[in-house]
N, C-alpha and C. Protein backbone atom coordinates (compact mmCIF):
# COMPACT_ATOMS: atom_id res chain seq x y z
N MET A 1 112.83 -1.74 37.65
CA MET A 1 112.75 -0.74 37.16
C MET A 1 112.93 0.46 37.64
N ASP A 2 114.24 1.47 37.28
CA ASP A 2 113.84 3.06 38.42
C ASP A 2 112.86 3.92 36.96
N ARG A 3 113.20 5.01 37.76
CA ARG A 3 112.18 6.40 37.54
C ARG A 3 112.93 6.87 35.89
N ASN A 4 114.08 6.79 36.11
CA ASN A 4 114.90 8.23 35.20
C ASN A 4 114.79 6.67 33.59
N GLN A 5 114.66 5.01 33.81
CA GLN A 5 114.40 4.36 33.05
C GLN A 5 113.22 4.19 31.93
N ASP A 6 111.54 5.04 33.54
CA ASP A 6 110.88 5.21 32.43
C ASP A 6 110.39 6.54 31.31
N ARG A 7 111.40 6.92 32.50
CA ARG A 7 111.33 8.27 31.59
C ARG A 7 111.43 8.36 29.86
N LYS A 8 113.30 7.48 30.02
CA LYS A 8 113.49 6.88 28.97
C LYS A 8 112.62 6.82 27.54
N THR A 9 111.86 5.26 28.13
CA THR A 9 110.76 4.08 27.19
C THR A 9 109.64 5.51 27.26
N ALA A 10 109.15 6.05 28.12
CA ALA A 10 107.86 6.71 27.59
C ALA A 10 107.56 7.36 26.49
N GLY A 11 106.17 6.76 25.74
CA GLY A 11 105.95 6.98 24.98
C GLY A 11 106.46 6.11 23.98
N THR A 12 107.72 5.70 24.31
CA THR A 12 107.60 4.33 22.43
C THR A 12 107.24 3.05 22.30
N SER A 13 106.89 2.90 20.89
CA SER A 13 106.69 1.47 20.96
C SER A 13 107.35 0.95 20.20
N LYS A 14 107.21 -0.21 20.69
CA LYS A 14 107.42 -1.33 19.56
C LYS A 14 107.32 -2.19 18.00
N SER A 15 105.69 -0.63 18.26
CA SER A 15 105.02 -1.78 17.29
C SER A 15 105.83 -1.92 16.13
N LYS A 16 105.12 -1.97 14.44
CA LYS A 16 106.57 -1.94 13.27
C LYS A 16 105.46 -0.13 12.33
N PRO A 17 106.86 0.23 12.07
CA PRO A 17 107.03 1.98 11.54
C PRO A 17 105.61 1.54 10.22
N ALA A 18 104.75 2.63 10.70
CA ALA A 18 103.83 3.11 10.08
C ALA A 18 104.20 2.51 8.60
N SER A 19 103.26 2.81 7.24
CA SER A 19 103.26 2.72 6.34
C SER A 19 104.39 4.16 5.19
N PRO A 20 104.27 4.18 4.11
CA PRO A 20 104.59 5.49 3.89
C PRO A 20 103.71 6.43 3.22
N ALA A 21 102.36 5.22 2.81
CA ALA A 21 101.25 6.23 2.86
C ALA A 21 100.63 6.62 4.04
N ALA A 22 100.41 5.77 5.63
CA ALA A 22 99.68 6.27 6.55
C ALA A 22 99.84 7.54 6.30
N GLY A 23 98.44 8.79 6.87
CA GLY A 23 98.80 9.85 6.93
C GLY A 23 99.10 11.26 6.14
N LYS A 24 98.52 9.81 4.98
CA LYS A 24 98.52 11.07 4.20
C LYS A 24 97.35 11.47 3.39
N GLY A 25 96.02 10.66 4.12
CA GLY A 25 94.88 11.30 4.06
C GLY A 25 94.31 10.95 2.70
N ASN A 26 95.01 10.00 2.02
CA ASN A 26 94.81 9.25 0.54
C ASN A 26 94.10 8.10 0.46
N ILE A 27 93.20 8.09 -0.69
CA ILE A 27 92.49 6.62 -0.39
C ILE A 27 93.13 5.55 -0.96
N ALA A 28 94.27 5.91 -2.24
CA ALA A 28 94.78 4.92 -2.70
C ALA A 28 96.40 4.09 -1.23
N GLY A 29 96.67 4.89 -0.16
CA GLY A 29 97.36 3.99 0.25
C GLY A 29 97.12 3.67 1.91
N SER A 30 94.92 4.01 1.52
CA SER A 30 94.46 2.96 2.52
C SER A 30 93.96 1.41 2.95
N MET A 31 93.73 0.78 3.17
CA MET A 31 93.32 0.10 2.86
C MET A 31 92.23 -0.34 3.00
N VAL A 32 91.04 0.70 2.94
CA VAL A 32 89.80 0.93 2.72
C VAL A 32 89.72 1.21 1.30
N ALA A 33 88.65 0.29 1.04
CA ALA A 33 87.72 0.49 -0.37
C ALA A 33 86.95 1.60 -0.59
N PRO A 34 87.34 2.31 -1.28
CA PRO A 34 86.32 3.56 -1.62
C PRO A 34 85.19 3.01 -1.59
N VAL A 35 83.47 3.47 -1.75
CA VAL A 35 82.76 3.46 -1.85
C VAL A 35 82.02 4.77 -2.62
N VAL A 36 81.17 4.27 -3.32
CA VAL A 36 80.68 4.59 -4.77
C VAL A 36 79.33 5.65 -3.57
N PRO A 37 79.26 6.72 -4.40
CA PRO A 37 78.84 8.02 -3.41
C PRO A 37 76.52 7.81 -3.69
N LYS A 38 76.12 8.03 -2.70
CA LYS A 38 75.14 7.51 -2.92
C LYS A 38 74.23 8.28 -3.15
N ASP A 39 73.48 7.75 -4.50
CA ASP A 39 72.70 8.97 -5.46
C ASP A 39 71.23 8.98 -4.77
N ASP A 40 71.01 10.29 -4.10
CA ASP A 40 69.37 10.85 -3.25
C ASP A 40 68.75 11.25 -4.28
N GLY A 41 69.22 12.12 -5.91
CA GLY A 41 68.64 12.76 -7.21
C GLY A 41 68.98 14.28 -6.88
N SER A 42 69.44 14.31 -5.48
CA SER A 42 70.16 15.61 -5.68
C SER A 42 71.37 15.71 -6.88
N ARG A 43 71.87 17.60 -6.65
CA ARG A 43 72.64 17.63 -7.38
C ARG A 43 73.94 17.75 -6.84
N GLU A 44 74.38 17.88 -6.01
CA GLU A 44 75.74 17.62 -5.67
C GLU A 44 75.07 16.31 -5.53
N ALA A 45 74.78 14.80 -4.70
CA ALA A 45 75.22 13.69 -4.86
C ALA A 45 75.74 13.07 -6.04
N ARG A 46 74.92 13.80 -7.22
CA ARG A 46 75.14 13.63 -8.80
C ARG A 46 77.37 13.41 -8.82
N ILE A 47 76.95 15.25 -8.29
CA ILE A 47 77.83 15.61 -9.65
C ILE A 47 79.28 14.22 -8.67
N ALA A 48 78.73 14.22 -6.86
CA ALA A 48 79.44 12.96 -6.06
C ALA A 48 80.22 11.99 -6.98
N ARG A 49 78.85 11.55 -7.31
CA ARG A 49 78.83 10.39 -8.18
C ARG A 49 79.62 9.95 -9.45
N GLU A 50 79.14 11.73 -9.84
CA GLU A 50 79.96 11.22 -11.67
C GLU A 50 82.12 11.68 -11.33
N ALA A 51 82.30 12.62 -10.59
CA ALA A 51 83.46 12.79 -9.94
C ALA A 51 84.32 11.68 -9.17
N TYR A 52 83.19 9.92 -8.54
CA TYR A 52 83.76 9.02 -7.99
C TYR A 52 84.17 8.21 -8.80
N TYR A 53 83.25 8.43 -10.14
CA TYR A 53 83.90 6.95 -11.33
C TYR A 53 85.02 7.98 -11.82
N ARG A 54 84.97 9.84 -12.25
CA ARG A 54 86.56 10.18 -12.63
C ARG A 54 87.61 9.87 -11.60
N ALA A 55 87.80 9.71 -10.32
CA ALA A 55 88.67 9.67 -9.49
C ALA A 55 88.69 7.94 -9.89
N GLU A 56 87.75 6.63 -10.22
CA GLU A 56 88.02 5.34 -10.38
C GLU A 56 88.73 5.50 -11.53
N ARG A 57 88.28 5.78 -12.95
CA ARG A 57 89.41 5.71 -13.84
C ARG A 57 91.08 6.02 -13.66
N ARG A 58 90.86 6.26 -12.96
CA ARG A 58 92.27 7.18 -12.98
C ARG A 58 93.32 7.03 -11.53
N GLY A 59 92.51 5.80 -11.57
CA GLY A 59 93.23 5.14 -10.62
C GLY A 59 92.43 5.74 -8.85
N PHE A 60 92.49 6.66 -8.18
CA PHE A 60 91.88 6.93 -7.33
C PHE A 60 93.87 7.60 -6.68
N ALA A 61 94.41 8.35 -7.41
CA ALA A 61 95.88 8.82 -7.81
C ALA A 61 95.34 10.19 -6.80
N PRO A 62 95.73 10.43 -5.51
CA PRO A 62 95.68 11.95 -4.76
C PRO A 62 95.83 12.92 -6.07
N GLY A 63 95.40 14.56 -5.41
CA GLY A 63 95.46 15.55 -6.03
C GLY A 63 94.41 16.36 -7.01
N LYS A 64 93.66 14.92 -7.83
CA LYS A 64 93.14 15.80 -8.72
C LYS A 64 91.47 15.32 -8.83
N GLU A 65 91.02 15.38 -7.05
CA GLU A 65 89.54 15.51 -6.94
C GLU A 65 89.07 16.75 -6.53
N LEU A 66 89.68 17.83 -6.51
CA LEU A 66 89.02 18.80 -7.05
C LEU A 66 89.12 19.83 -9.05
N ASP A 67 89.56 18.46 -9.18
CA ASP A 67 89.14 18.99 -10.81
C ASP A 67 88.91 17.34 -11.02
N ASP A 68 87.89 16.08 -10.84
CA ASP A 68 87.57 15.51 -10.76
C ASP A 68 86.56 16.11 -10.27
N TRP A 69 85.97 16.62 -9.76
CA TRP A 69 84.50 17.49 -8.66
C TRP A 69 84.04 18.53 -10.27
N LEU A 70 85.12 19.89 -9.95
CA LEU A 70 84.63 20.11 -11.34
C LEU A 70 84.43 20.22 -12.86
N GLU A 71 84.68 18.37 -13.24
CA GLU A 71 84.62 18.00 -14.47
C GLU A 71 82.71 17.63 -14.57
N ALA A 72 82.75 17.73 -12.91
CA ALA A 72 81.57 16.50 -13.11
C ALA A 72 80.26 17.16 -12.86
N GLU A 73 81.39 18.42 -12.22
CA GLU A 73 79.25 19.93 -11.99
C GLU A 73 79.16 20.46 -13.46
N ARG A 74 80.41 20.64 -14.41
CA ARG A 74 80.88 21.25 -14.84
C ARG A 74 79.70 20.41 -16.29
N GLU A 75 79.59 19.06 -16.19
CA GLU A 75 79.30 17.52 -16.84
C GLU A 75 77.90 17.33 -16.87
N LEU A 76 77.16 17.92 -16.01
CA LEU A 76 76.08 17.64 -15.06
C LEU A 76 75.22 18.50 -16.29
N GLU A 77 76.06 20.65 -16.13
CA GLU A 77 75.67 21.24 -15.80
C GLU A 77 75.65 22.02 -17.38
N GLN A 78 76.59 21.36 -18.58
CA GLN A 78 76.11 21.61 -19.83
C GLN A 78 74.76 20.23 -19.93
N SER A 79 74.31 19.24 -19.49
CA SER A 79 73.58 17.70 -20.07
C SER A 79 72.03 19.37 -19.55
N GLN A 80 72.60 19.10 -18.68
CA GLN A 80 71.50 20.11 -18.22
C GLN A 80 70.87 21.07 -19.23
N ALA A 81 71.74 21.79 -19.63
CA ALA A 81 71.99 22.69 -20.60
C ALA A 81 70.99 22.38 -21.35
N ALA A 82 71.59 21.28 -22.24
CA ALA A 82 70.97 20.31 -23.45
C ALA A 82 69.62 19.78 -23.26
N LYS A 83 69.00 19.99 -22.59
CA LYS A 83 67.93 19.20 -22.42
C LYS A 83 67.13 20.30 -22.51
N HIS A 84 66.78 21.12 -21.49
CA HIS A 84 66.46 22.97 -21.83
C HIS A 84 66.26 23.55 -22.72
């Protein structure tokens, strides 16, 4: 193989093309199963756990993560206010 041939093929690979969901940063396109956040008793951990369950109920479809978090936060605040 000559030097010009090396330049032409440098950086190319013969591997399979990436899946359509590859690199989009969402769980739905991932091969890794989501994990329930650990609840250490902190406010943030309780919100994260509830937000996870909200995402689970909607099939972990991307784009609603902030809504899940804010709704979980609002629900926690309401339940704490009701206790006092």
